[in-house]
C-alpha atoms as a PDB file:
ATOM      1  CA  MET A   1       0.000   0.000   0.000  1.00  0.00           C
ATOM      2  CA  LYS A   2       2.869   2.368   0.832  1.00  0.00           C
ATOM      3  CA  ASN A   3       4.408   1.638  -2.570  1.00  0.00           C
ATOM      4  CA  MET A   4       1.156   2.503  -4.296  1.00  0.00           C
ATOM      5  CA  VAL A   5       0.853   5.808  -2.410  1.00  0.00           C
ATOM      6  CA  VAL A   6       4.461   6.707  -3.250  1.00  0.00           C
ATOM      7  CA  LEU A   7       3.859   5.711  -6.860  1.00  0.00           C
ATOM      8  CA  LEU A   8       0.702   7.820  -7.107  1.00  0.00           C
ATOM      9  CA  ILE A   9       2.518  10.827  -5.650  1.00  0.00           C
ATOM     10  CA  LEU A  10       5.397  10.315  -8.100  1.00  0.00           C
ATOM     11  CA  LEU A  11       2.977  10.041 -11.000  1.00  0.00           C
ATOM     12  CA  ALA A  12       1.009  13.083  -9.901  1.00  0.00           C
ATOM     13  CA  VAL A  13       4.158  15.193  -9.681  1.00  0.00           C
ATOM     14  CA  SER A  14       5.550  13.893 -12.968  1.00  0.00           C
ATOM     15  CA  ASN A  15       2.181  14.219 -14.693  1.00  0.00           C
ATOM     16  CA  VAL A  16       1.797  17.821 -13.547  1.00  0.00           C
ATOM     17  CA  SER A  17       5.329  18.688 -14.615  1.00  0.00           C
ATOM     18  CA  TYR A  18       4.928  16.718 -17.857  1.00  0.00           C
ATOM     19  CA  SER A  19       1.707  18.525 -18.779  1.00  0.00           C
ATOM     20  CA  GLN A  20       3.183  21.949 -17.965  1.00  0.00           C
ATOM     21  CA  ILE A  21       6.163  21.572 -20.286  1.00  0.00           C
ATOM     22  CA  LYS A  22       6.496  24.612 -22.489  1.00  0.00           C
ATOM     23  CA  PRO A  23       6.703  23.939 -26.219  1.00  0.00           C
ATOM     24  CA  VAL A  24      10.211  22.815 -27.060  1.00  0.00           C
ATOM     25  CA  GLY A  25      11.959  21.311 -30.039  1.00  0.00           C
ATOM     26  CA  ILE A  26      11.280  17.708 -30.926  1.00  0.00           C
ATOM     27  CA  GLU A  27      14.792  16.711 -29.873  1.00  0.00           C
ATOM     28  CA  LYS A  28      14.261  18.037 -26.344  1.00  0.00           C
ATOM     29  CA  GLU A  29      10.699  16.717 -26.228  1.00  0.00           C
ATOM     30  CA  PHE A  30      11.814  13.214 -27.169  1.00  0.00           C
ATOM     31  CA  GLU A  31      14.641  13.429 -24.637  1.00  0.00           C
ATOM     32  CA  GLU A  32      12.117  14.266 -21.891  1.00  0.00           C
ATOM     33  CA  LEU A  33       9.813  11.457 -23.022  1.00  0.00           C
ATOM     34  CA  THR A  34      12.752   9.053 -22.971  1.00  0.00           C
ATOM     35  CA  ALA A  35      13.651  10.093 -19.416  1.00  0.00           C
ATOM     36  CA  HIS A  36      10.016   9.664 -18.368  1.00  0.00           C
ATOM     37  CA  TRP A  37       9.946   6.258 -20.055  1.00  0.00           C
ATOM     38  CA  HIS A  38      13.084   5.233 -18.119  1.00  0.00           C
ATOM     39  CA  GLN A  39      11.274   6.025 -14.837  1.00  0.00           C
ATOM     40  CA  ILE A  40       8.232   4.011 -15.872  1.00  0.00           C
ATOM     41  CA  SER A  41      10.356   1.124 -17.135  1.00  0.00           C
ATOM     42  CA  ASP A  42      12.338   1.012 -13.886  1.00  0.00           C
ATOM     43  CA  LEU A  43       9.087   0.753 -11.917  1.00  0.00           C
ATOM     44  CA  LEU A  44       7.575  -1.855 -14.251  1.00  0.00           C
ATOM     45  CA  SER A  45      10.676  -4.050 -13.972  1.00  0.00           C
ATOM     46  CA  THR A  46       9.746  -4.940 -10.401  1.00  0.00           C
ATOM     47  CA  TYR A  47       6.957  -7.132  -9.086  1.00  0.00           C
ATOM     48  CA  ASN A  48       5.561  -4.208  -7.076  1.00  0.00           C
ATOM     49  CA  GLY A  49       5.651  -1.987 -10.157  1.00  0.00           C
ATOM     50  CA  LEU A  50       3.838  -4.633 -12.186  1.00  0.00           C
ATOM     51  CA  SER A  51       1.275  -4.924  -9.392  1.00  0.00           C
ATOM     52  CA  ASP A  52       0.736  -1.165  -9.520  1.00  0.00           C
ATOM     53  CA  PHE A  53       0.338  -1.329 -13.304  1.00  0.00           C
ATOM     54  CA  CYS A  54      -2.201  -4.148 -12.964  1.00  0.00           C
ATOM     55  CA  VAL A  55      -4.367  -2.496 -10.300  1.00  0.00           C
ATOM     56  CA  THR A  56      -3.803   1.261 -10.717  1.00  0.00           C
ATOM     57  CA  PRO A  57      -5.479   2.753 -13.797  1.00  0.00           C
ATOM     58  CA  GLU A  58      -3.541   6.032 -13.435  1.00  0.00           C
ATOM     59  CA  PHE A  59      -0.162   4.310 -13.663  1.00  0.00           C
ATOM     60  CA  ARG A  60      -1.341   1.995 -16.430  1.00  0.00           C
ATOM     61  CA  ASN A  61      -2.739   4.895 -18.483  1.00  0.00           C
ATOM     62  CA  GLU A  62       0.367   7.037 -17.916  1.00  0.00           C
ATOM     63  CA  SER A  63       2.640   4.192 -19.037  1.00  0.00           C
ATOM     64  CA  ILE A  64       0.630   3.601 -22.188  1.00  0.00           C
ATOM     65  CA  LYS A  65       0.345   7.338 -22.888  1.00  0.00           C
ATOM     66  CA  VAL A  66       4.113   7.904 -22.701  1.00  0.00           C
ATOM     67  CA  LEU A  67       4.887   4.930 -24.932  1.00  0.00           C
ATOM     68  CA  SER A  68       2.120   5.957 -27.367  1.00  0.00           C
ATOM     69  CA  THR A  69       3.586   9.450 -27.613  1.00  0.00           C
ATOM     70  CA  ILE A  70       7.038   7.990 -28.275  1.00  0.00           C
ATOM     71  CA  HIS A  71       5.527   5.843 -31.029  1.00  0.00           C
ATOM     72  CA  HIS A  72       3.688   8.839 -32.464  1.00  0.00           C
ATOM     73  CA  ILE A  73       6.844  10.925 -32.687  1.00  0.00           C
ATOM     74  CA  ASP A  74       8.924   8.108 -34.130  1.00  0.00           C
ATOM     75  CA  SER A  75       6.217   7.536 -36.764  1.00  0.00           C
ATOM     76  CA  LEU A  76       6.387  11.202 -37.728  1.00  0.00           C
ATOM     77  CA  ILE A  77      10.152  10.958 -38.032  1.00  0.00           C
ATOM     78  CA  LEU A  78       9.814   7.764 -40.061  1.00  0.00           C
ATOM     79  CA  ASP A  79       7.412   9.541 -42.432  1.00  0.00           C
ATOM     80  CA  LEU A  80       9.886  12.393 -42.750  1.00  0.00           C
ATOM     81  CA  MET A  81      12.708   9.939 -43.494  1.00  0.00           C
ATOM     82  CA  HIS A  82      10.619   8.238 -46.200  1.00  0.00           C
ATOM     83  CA  ASP A  83       9.529  11.553 -47.756  1.00  0.00           C
ATOM     84  CA  PRO A  84      11.587  12.082 -50.920  1.00  0.00           C
ATOM     85  CA  THR A  85      10.688  15.786 -50.925  1.00  0.00           C
ATOM     86  CA  SER A  86      12.044  16.432 -47.433  1.00  0.00           C
ATOM     87  CA  SER A  87      15.201  18.472 -47.252  1.00  0.00           C
ATOM     88  CA  LEU A  88      16.742  16.506 -44.406  1.00  0.00           C
ATOM     89  CA  GLN A  89      20.484  16.879 -44.284  1.00  0.00           C
ATOM     90  CA  VAL A  90      21.183  13.372 -43.075  1.00  0.00           C
ATOM     91  CA  SER A  91      23.587  10.946 -44.691  1.00  0.00           C
ATOM     92  CA  LYS A  92      22.077   8.043 -46.603  1.00  0.00           C
ATOM     93  CA  LYS A  93      23.638   5.624 -44.109  1.00  0.00           C
ATOM     94  CA  GLU A  94      22.150   7.492 -41.120  1.00  0.00           C
ATOM     95  CA  ARG A  95      18.759   7.714 -42.847  1.00  0.00           C
ATOM     96  CA  GLU A  96      18.733   3.953 -43.501  1.00  0.00           C
ATOM     97  CA  LYS A  97      19.820   3.148 -39.928  1.00  0.00           C
ATOM     98  CA  THR A  98      17.119   5.423 -38.534  1.00  0.00           C
ATOM     99  CA  ILE A  99      14.430   3.895 -40.732  1.00  0.00           C
ATOM    100  CA  ASP A 100      15.570   0.380 -39.812  1.00  0.00           C
ATOM    101  CA  GLU A 101      15.595   1.108 -36.053  1.00  0.00           C
ATOM    102  CA  ILE A 102      12.171   2.758 -36.069  1.00  0.00           C
ATOM    103  CA  GLU A 103      10.610  -0.005 -38.164  1.00  0.00           C
ATOM    104  CA  LYS A 104      12.024  -2.692 -35.847  1.00  0.00           C
ATOM    105  CA  PHE A 105      10.746  -0.758 -32.843  1.00  0.00           C
ATOM    106  CA  GLU A 106       7.280  -0.461 -34.377  1.00  0.00           C
ATOM    107  CA  GLN A 107       7.161  -4.159 -35.301  1.00  0.00           C
ATOM    108  CA  GLU A 108       8.622  -5.670 -32.130  1.00  0.00           C
ATOM    109  CA  TYR A 109       7.536  -3.200 -29.450  1.00  0.00           C
ATOM    110  CA  GLY A 110       4.349  -1.573 -30.695  1.00  0.00           C
ATOM    111  CA  ILE A 111       1.637  -0.485 -28.283  1.00  0.00           C
ATOM    112  CA  ARG A 112      -0.414  -3.629 -28.916  1.00  0.00           C
ATOM    113  CA  SER A 113       2.513  -5.957 -28.126  1.00  0.00           C
ATOM    114  CA  PHE A 114       3.357  -3.881 -25.020  1.00  0.00           C
ATOM    115  CA  ILE A 115      -0.222  -4.104 -23.748  1.00  0.00           C
ATOM    116  CA  ASP A 116      -0.427  -7.824 -24.581  1.00  0.00           C
ATOM    117  CA  PHE A 117       2.859  -8.534 -22.799  1.00  0.00           C
ATOM    118  CA  LEU A 118       1.801  -6.661 -19.666  1.00  0.00           C
ATOM    119  CA  LYS A 119      -1.682  -8.172 -19.743  1.00  0.00           C
ATOM    120  CA  GLU A 120      -0.106 -11.634 -19.777  1.00  0.00           C
ATOM    121  CA  SER A 121       2.243 -10.574 -16.967  1.00  0.00           C
ATOM    122  CA  CYS A 122      -0.707  -9.268 -14.934  1.00  0.00           C
ATOM    123  CA  LEU A 123      -2.529 -12.580 -15.398  1.00  0.00           C
ATOM    124  CA  THR A 124       0.582 -14.435 -14.211  1.00  0.00           C
ATOM    125  CA  ARG A 125       0.845 -12.069 -11.236  1.00  0.00           C
ATOM    126  CA  ASN A 126      -2.838 -12.572 -10.365  1.00  0.00           C
ATOM    127  CA  GLU A 127      -2.396 -16.348 -10.527  1.00  0.00           C
ATOM    128  CA  LEU A 128       0.631 -16.080  -8.233  1.00  0.00           C
ATOM    129  CA  GLU A 129      -1.351 -14.053  -5.719  1.00  0.00           C
ATOM    130  CA  VAL A 130      -4.259 -16.506  -5.773  1.00  0.00           C
ATOM    131  CA  ASN A 131      -1.876 -19.422  -5.175  1.00  0.00           C
ATOM    132  CA  ALA A 132       0.522 -17.567  -2.863  1.00  0.00           C
ATOM    133  CA  GLU A 133      -0.156 -19.709   0.215  1.00  0.00           C
ATOM    134  CA  SER A 134       0.397 -23.037  -1.510  1.00  0.00           C
ATOM    135  CA  LEU A 135       3.448 -21.732  -3.406  1.00  0.00           C
ATOM    136  CA  LYS A 136       5.110 -20.687  -0.151  1.00  0.00           C
ATOM    137  CA  ASN A 137       5.343 -24.377   0.747  1.00  0.00           C
ATOM    138  CA  GLU A 138       7.256 -25.120  -2.464  1.00  0.00           C
ATOM    139  CA  SER A 139      10.994 -24.702  -2.870  1.00  0.00           C
ATOM    140  CA  GLY A 140      13.336 -23.221  -5.444  1.00  0.00           C
ATOM    141  CA  MET A 141      11.888 -21.882  -8.645  1.00  0.00           C
ATOM    142  CA  TYR A 142       8.508 -23.419  -7.816  1.00  0.00           C
ATOM    143  CA  SER A 143       8.140 -21.359  -4.647  1.00  0.00           C
ATOM    144  CA  TYR A 144       6.289 -18.056  -4.514  1.00  0.00           C
ATOM    145  CA  ASP A 145       9.570 -16.119  -4.307  1.00  0.00           C
ATOM    146  CA  GLY A 146      11.040 -18.174  -7.152  1.00  0.00           C
ATOM    147  CA  GLN A 147       8.023 -17.457  -9.348  1.00  0.00           C
ATOM    148  CA  VAL A 148       8.239 -13.738  -8.512  1.00  0.00           C
ATOM    149  CA  ILE A 149      11.923 -13.695  -9.487  1.00  0.00           C
ATOM    150  CA  MET A 150      11.146 -15.478 -12.766  1.00  0.00           C
ATOM    151  CA  LEU A 151       8.392 -12.972 -13.562  1.00  0.00           C
ATOM    152  CA  GLU A 152      10.644 -10.020 -12.695  1.00  0.00           C
ATOM    153  CA  THR A 153      13.398 -11.467 -14.907  1.00  0.00           C
ATOM    154  CA  ARG A 154      10.988 -11.763 -17.822  1.00  0.00           C
ATOM    155  CA  LEU A 155       9.697  -8.217 -17.256  1.00  0.00           C
ATOM    156  CA  SER A 156      13.189  -6.828 -16.923  1.00  0.00           C
ATOM    157  CA  LYS A 157      14.383  -8.493 -20.129  1.00  0.00           C
ATOM    158  CA  TYR A 158      11.429  -7.243 -22.187  1.00  0.00           C
ATOM    159  CA  LEU A 159      11.614  -3.704 -20.818  1.00  0.00           C
ATOM    160  CA  LYS A 160      15.393  -3.569 -21.228  1.00  0.00           C
ATOM    161  CA  HIS A 161      15.067  -4.377 -24.938  1.00  0.00           C
ATOM    162  CA  LEU A 162      12.187  -1.928 -25.393  1.00  0.00           C
ATOM    163  CA  THR A 163      14.092   0.852 -23.597  1.00  0.00           C
ATOM    164  CA  LYS A 164      17.215   0.137 -25.632  1.00  0.00           C
ATOM    165  CA  LYS A 165      15.192   0.702 -28.821  1.00  0.00           C
ATOM    166  CA  VAL A 166      13.798   3.980 -27.443  1.00  0.00           C
ATOM    167  CA  ASP A 167      17.345   5.097 -26.604  1.00  0.00           C
ATOM    168  CA  MET A 168      18.561   4.225 -30.119  1.00  0.00           C
ATOM    169  CA  ILE A 169      15.791   6.281 -31.686  1.00  0.00           C
ATOM    170  CA  GLU A 170      16.685   9.189 -29.415  1.00  0.00           C
ATOM    171  CA  GLU A 171      20.290   8.949 -30.649  1.00  0.00           C
ATOM    172  CA  HIS A 172      19.114   9.055 -34.263  1.00  0.00           C
ATOM    173  CA  ILE A 173      16.997  12.125 -33.529  1.00  0.00           C
ATOM    174  CA  HIS A 174      20.116  13.889 -32.240  1.00  0.00           C
ATOM    175  CA  HIS A 175      21.701  13.411 -35.689  1.00  0.00           C
ATOM    176  CA  ILE A 176      18.955  15.426 -37.358  1.00  0.00           C
ATOM    177  CA  HIS A 177      19.334  19.196 -37.303  1.00  0.00           C
ATOM    178  CA  PRO A 178      16.596  20.752 -35.087  1.00  0.00           C
ATOM    179  CA  ASP A 179      15.515  23.223 -37.799  1.00  0.00           C
ATOM    180  CA  GLN A 180      14.639  20.290 -40.024  1.00  0.00           C
ATOM    181  CA  LEU A 181      12.211  18.965 -37.425  1.00  0.00           C
ATOM    182  CA  LEU A 182      10.172  22.167 -37.139  1.00  0.00           C
ATOM    183  CA  ASP A 183       7.153  20.631 -38.898  1.00  0.00           C
ATOM    184  CA  ILE A 184       7.147  17.706 -36.481  1.00  0.00           C
ATOM    185  CA  LYS A 185       7.377  20.094 -33.527  1.00  0.00           C
ATOM    186  CA  LEU A 186       4.237  21.895 -34.673  1.00  0.00           C
ATOM    187  CA  ILE A 187       2.330  18.630 -35.117  1.00  0.00           C
ATOM    188  CA  SER A 188       3.476  17.123 -31.817  1.00  0.00           C
ATOM    189  CA  GLN A 189       2.312  20.154 -29.846  1.00  0.00           C
ATOM    190  CA  ASN A 190      -1.253  19.173 -30.723  1.00  0.00           C
ATOM    191  CA  ILE A 191      -0.995  15.725 -29.103  1.00  0.00           C
END
């Protein structure tokens, strides 16, 4: 319960500060989203964080909203990279790497797969909680603690890969001159 209260306070503070951000360039905006995602990912990597995601609509909605916004911005950048009329001053190699990274991110870690993965994790967590008493009599990986560790390991692995992709996209955004992303900035302010 204490964890949930602390989490709600953290989310309230971050949500207030996140919603009061003054319009900034897409590079800075994506950097802030990435930092916010890192906080969410760190929480979700733990059993308590997963529990909060499963039972707290505010945390669940905030997590999905941040990842959705990241996907929205990377889709805009992908469209810009594919646009033959854009005047991006990015090397062909950098353009191809950026397109490849964003497409992999969209395919492997889209919103639907994120929600499906966490839904499955929540079902596993709920099953663990229902069977907690009988699992405490087991030993090793079959015990309650062993099952929690296995679930946390699975969560951590998935979120580590997802976060690594977000970080790679952020790096690619830094290679694009900010003036060339002005159109995206104007669109993203309407999200």
